[in-house]
Amino acid sequence: MSVSEVWADAPSPCVDVCKYKRAGRCVGCMMTKAEKDSFPRSGSAEAKKAFFDGLMERLRSEHKNPAFWAIAYKRKCEREGMPCPLDEEEAETAG
């Protein structure tokens, strides 16, 4: 499966915590309800990657360690039997 296909098939960044406490953001994924609803379901790899990039930047800018979310997201992908786009991203960065 190509990197583009992995991103196109990527499940939502929601990690199924769904507790909105921090200024209307979920404590699990830092998305608002509106952002969860607007996650691109079209299969567009570029739109999904941009969404994830924005989420990671938000985590960093709010001094949250994105690794905690990434671990939960990778587990979600495993449970759903989907390749994790974060693994593909790490492979591209490393190699």
Protein backbone atom coordinates (compact mmCIF):
# COMPACT_ATOMS: atom_id res chain seq x y z
CA MET A 1 0.00 0.00 0.00
CA SER A 2 1.44 3.40 -0.94
CA VAL A 3 1.87 6.23 1.56
CA SER A 4 -0.84 8.18 -0.25
CA GLU A 5 -3.27 5.26 0.07
CA VAL A 6 -2.49 4.89 3.77
CA TRP A 7 -3.28 8.58 4.33
CA ALA A 8 -6.42 8.35 2.19
CA ASP A 9 -7.70 5.44 4.33
CA ALA A 10 -6.64 6.99 7.66
CA PRO A 11 -9.27 6.80 10.38
CA SER A 12 -10.22 9.92 12.30
CA PRO A 13 -7.64 11.23 14.79
CA CYS A 14 -10.25 10.72 17.51
CA VAL A 15 -8.97 8.16 20.01
CA ASP A 16 -12.40 7.48 21.52
CA VAL A 17 -11.98 9.40 24.79
CA CYS A 18 -14.44 12.18 23.91
CA LYS A 19 -14.33 14.27 27.07
CA TYR A 20 -14.53 17.96 26.32
CA LYS A 21 -12.89 19.92 29.09
CA ARG A 22 -10.09 22.09 27.77
CA ALA A 23 -11.82 25.10 26.21
CA GLY A 24 -14.18 22.77 24.35
CA ARG A 25 -11.41 20.46 23.19
CA CYS A 26 -11.33 16.73 23.81
CA VAL A 27 -8.75 15.62 26.35
CA GLY A 28 -7.90 12.62 24.15
CA CYS A 29 -7.27 14.22 20.77
CA MET A 30 -7.51 18.01 21.36
CA MET A 31 -10.20 18.38 18.68
CA THR A 32 -13.46 20.25 19.12
CA LYS A 33 -16.75 18.56 18.28
CA ALA A 34 -16.91 20.65 15.09
CA GLU A 35 -13.43 19.51 14.07
CA LYS A 36 -14.35 15.88 14.67
CA ASP A 37 -17.39 16.37 12.46
CA SER A 38 -15.34 18.11 9.78
CA PHE A 39 -12.62 15.45 9.52
CA PRO A 40 -12.29 14.80 5.81
CA ARG A 41 -13.98 11.54 4.97
CA SER A 42 -13.55 11.98 1.24
CA GLY A 43 -10.46 9.82 1.12
CA SER A 44 -8.29 12.77 0.08
CA ALA A 45 -4.81 11.91 1.35
CA GLU A 46 -3.70 15.55 1.21
CA ALA A 47 -6.68 16.83 3.21
CA LYS A 48 -6.28 14.17 5.87
CA LYS A 49 -2.52 14.69 6.18
CA ALA A 50 -3.05 18.46 6.51
CA PHE A 51 -5.66 17.84 9.22
CA PHE A 52 -3.23 15.61 11.15
CA ASP A 53 -0.38 18.10 10.70
CA GLY A 54 -2.56 20.86 12.16
CA LEU A 55 -3.51 18.68 15.10
CA MET A 56 0.12 17.82 15.83
CA GLU A 57 1.08 21.49 15.68
CA ARG A 58 -1.73 22.34 18.11
CA LEU A 59 -0.51 19.71 20.55
CA ARG A 60 3.01 21.10 20.38
CA SER A 61 1.92 24.74 20.68
CA GLU A 62 -0.15 23.94 23.77
CA HIS A 63 2.88 22.19 25.30
CA LYS A 64 1.29 18.76 25.10
CA ASN A 65 3.41 15.79 24.18
CA PRO A 66 2.02 14.51 20.84
CA ALA A 67 3.56 11.11 21.56
CA PHE A 68 0.79 10.28 24.04
CA TRP A 69 -1.89 10.90 21.41
CA ALA A 70 0.19 9.10 18.75
CA ILE A 71 0.41 5.95 20.89
CA ALA A 72 -3.37 5.91 21.39
CA TYR A 73 -3.95 6.56 17.68
CA LYS A 74 -1.64 3.74 16.63
CA ARG A 75 -3.56 1.39 18.93
CA LYS A 76 -6.81 2.55 17.36
CA CYS A 77 -5.47 1.78 13.87
CA GLU A 78 -4.38 -1.67 15.07
CA ARG A 79 -7.84 -2.39 16.55
CA GLU A 80 -9.46 -1.34 13.28
CA GLY A 81 -7.00 -3.40 11.22
CA MET A 82 -5.84 -0.30 9.34
CA PRO A 83 -2.26 0.67 8.51
CA CYS A 84 -1.31 3.68 10.61
CA PRO A 85 -0.32 6.77 8.61
CA LEU A 86 1.90 7.86 11.51
CA ASP A 87 4.05 4.77 10.92
CA GLU A 88 4.39 5.76 7.27
CA GLU A 89 5.34 9.30 8.28
CA GLU A 90 8.03 8.00 10.65
CA ALA A 91 9.40 5.69 7.96
CA GLU A 92 9.68 8.58 5.49
CA THR A 93 11.41 10.79 8.05
CA ALA A 94 13.88 8.05 9.03
CA GLY A 95 14.77 6.92 5.60
